[in-house]
Amino acid sequence: MASYLVTLPDGTKAALPIWMTEASAARDAEIRDCGVASLTALEELRTLVDEVRAGWARSTASATDCIEPPASGDAP
């Protein structure tokens, strides 16, 4: 995805998708007093979070599987 690399006030860098800077991106936007998300969007977000957490768990498990404690008498 094409994006701009921007430097934030705290010095961190972030990628801003170019489409978010185009006028057409805000064409259907509305200002509301509170945020609104569809049930479908929330369900998709939950699925994504679950997948990321499962990936981290697998990554952590496989990383610890490779570490073997030293045999007695071996130098650490």
Protein backbone atom coordinates (compact mmCIF):
# COMPACT_ATOMS: atom_id res chain seq x y z
CA MET A 1 0.00 0.00 0.00
CA ALA A 2 1.42 3.37 -0.99
CA SER A 3 1.98 5.60 2.02
CA TYR A 4 3.76 8.67 3.30
CA LEU A 5 6.34 8.28 6.05
CA VAL A 6 5.59 10.96 8.61
CA THR A 7 7.43 12.02 11.76
CA LEU A 8 5.12 12.55 14.73
CA PRO A 9 5.66 15.27 17.37
CA ASP A 10 7.30 12.77 19.75
CA GLY A 11 9.84 11.81 17.06
CA THR A 12 8.35 8.42 16.17
CA LYS A 13 7.68 7.63 12.55
CA ALA A 14 4.42 6.33 11.10
CA ALA A 15 3.17 5.26 7.70
CA LEU A 16 0.10 7.23 6.59
CA PRO A 17 -1.73 5.60 3.68
CA ILE A 18 -1.91 8.06 0.79
CA TRP A 19 -5.64 7.42 0.29
CA MET A 20 -6.27 8.88 3.76
CA THR A 21 -4.96 12.25 2.53
CA GLU A 22 -7.28 12.42 -0.46
CA ALA A 23 -10.51 14.44 -0.34
CA SER A 24 -12.52 11.43 -1.52
CA ALA A 25 -11.58 9.57 1.69
CA ALA A 26 -13.73 11.97 3.71
CA ARG A 27 -16.57 12.26 1.20
CA ASP A 28 -18.97 10.10 3.24
CA ALA A 29 -17.58 11.02 6.68
CA GLU A 30 -19.88 12.34 9.35
CA ILE A 31 -19.06 14.10 12.61
CA ARG A 32 -20.80 12.43 15.54
CA ASP A 33 -20.89 12.89 19.29
CA CYS A 34 -19.77 9.31 19.88
CA GLY A 35 -18.05 6.63 17.85
CA VAL A 36 -20.10 4.09 15.95
CA ALA A 37 -18.89 0.75 14.63
CA SER A 38 -20.91 -1.94 12.94
CA LEU A 39 -21.27 -5.33 14.58
CA THR A 40 -19.54 -6.87 11.55
CA ALA A 41 -16.54 -4.54 11.96
CA LEU A 42 -16.28 -5.39 15.66
CA GLU A 43 -16.48 -9.13 14.92
CA GLU A 44 -13.74 -8.80 12.29
CA LEU A 45 -11.58 -6.86 14.74
CA ARG A 46 -12.07 -9.56 17.38
CA THR A 47 -11.04 -12.24 14.87
CA LEU A 48 -7.93 -10.25 13.95
CA VAL A 49 -6.95 -9.74 17.61
CA ASP A 50 -7.45 -13.45 18.33
CA GLU A 51 -5.28 -14.41 15.35
CA VAL A 52 -2.49 -12.02 16.37
CA ARG A 53 -2.55 -13.26 19.97
CA ALA A 54 -2.44 -16.89 18.80
CA GLY A 55 0.53 -16.05 16.55
CA TRP A 56 2.37 -14.45 19.46
CA ALA A 57 1.66 -17.49 21.63
CA ARG A 58 3.01 -19.83 18.93
CA SER A 59 6.05 -17.59 18.41
CA THR A 60 6.79 -17.45 22.13
CA ALA A 61 6.31 -21.19 22.55
CA SER A 62 8.61 -22.06 19.66
CA ALA A 63 11.26 -19.62 20.90
CA THR A 64 11.28 -21.19 24.37
CA ASP A 65 11.34 -24.71 22.89
CA CYS A 66 14.74 -23.93 21.37
CA ILE A 67 16.31 -22.90 24.66
CA GLU A 68 17.75 -25.78 26.61
CA PRO A 69 19.05 -25.38 30.14
CA PRO A 70 22.76 -26.12 30.52
CA ALA A 71 23.62 -29.67 31.62
CA SER A 72 24.91 -29.91 35.14
CA GLY A 73 28.58 -28.98 35.25
CA ASP A 74 28.45 -27.06 31.96
CA ALA A 75 29.39 -23.39 31.98
CA PRO A 76 26.34 -21.12 31.42
